[in-house]
Amino acid sequence: MGRMVLEKVEKRFGDVTVIPPLDLEIEDGEFVVFVGPSGCGKSTLLRLIAGLEDVTGGVIRIDGRDATTVPPAKRGLAMVFQSYALYPHMTVRKNISFPLRMAKLDKAEQDRRVEQAAAVLNLTDYLDRRPGQLSGGQRQRVAIGRAIVREPAAFLFDEPLSNLDAALRVGMRLEISELHERLKTTMIYVTHDQVEAMTMADKIVVLHAGRIEQVGSPLELYRTPRNRFVAGFIGSPRMNFLEGPEARRHDASAIGIRPEHIMPSPNEGAWKGRVGVSEHLGSDTFLHVHMEGCADPVTVRSGGEVDMHHGDTIYMTPDAGHIHRFDDQGLRIA
């Protein structure tokens, strides 16, 4: 059980509104990712759900129960922070079992839960080591194990991979996704990395200045962004935006086109530009093209073997079926 409903939830610090009133439903067993730029309110919203911050207004329901004023320890939730917060003098076994010892669970039950969590997280061979003898990824798994043994209604992750290097981030991303598949427990995950959001989530909540801009599956947000902010935030590299005559030609104030939906050619195409920086990534090459009348370079995704260089003239043809139109308020035009 881990269904949550937020009704008109808001948060103010004095006269500053951090989270304007918002509504959100999270279904039991969903993997939901809160994503947005720094300062958008995603961690604050997570802390409101956890009970680590008091709401200024509104109601938070967990499995149908009003949990708005319920203390964090009694909400049935487990939180995993960016910092591992492990006890360096304790073994992995004792770190994982710590919340169970505090709850005075029977020793046999403690051992059962620790062994089970260790097996799920591939930590069985490390139970008698101390945190200083582990890698960063293993320490994060210990922190997750400490949450698992509590058998919570939901897991709350607050940017848990931020302290890891790029390779470990990818590995842990897969491990957390696999963990969700095994446990089938509700997970709410906060990140500023839209790649993490796209690859892990069942449902993404895009936040901007404390407001929910759009809620939907990764592909829904990618294919049909509600506004220009979501269109520019979801997708890597980001969507290209063009204004002026080209936008007006499509009866819009701005049009957007993703890098993979532009066909480059050295000879002919609808748009003409000059190649600037090229990013060669092996299987793909990203060409940053300067076009007359465009303030920012247009990014084009091409094959890894593309033979174009800095200063070359390039022609580009956008896929008409993948052009997104936006009005003067930045809203999507259907």
Foldseek 3Di string as FASTA:
>chain_A
DWKKWWFQWWADDVPRTQAGGDIDIDDWLFEEEEAEDPSLCPVVVLCQQLQVDQTPDTFMDTPNHTCRPPHNVPQQEAEQEQDLPFDQVDFLLCRLLVVVVVVVDDPVLSVVLLCVLCVLLVNNVRRGPGPVVDDPLVSSSSSVSSRVSSVGQEYEYEPNCPPDDPVSSVVVLVSVLVVSVVPSHHYYYYDHDLVSVLVRGQKYFYGGSNDTQDIHHLVCLQQPPFFQVSQQRHDPPGWDKDADPVQVVVVARIKTARQAQKDKDLPDEDFKFFWADWDQDPQWIWTFTDGPPDPGTHIHIDGNPDPHDGGRMMHMYGDVVRMWGAHPVRGTDD
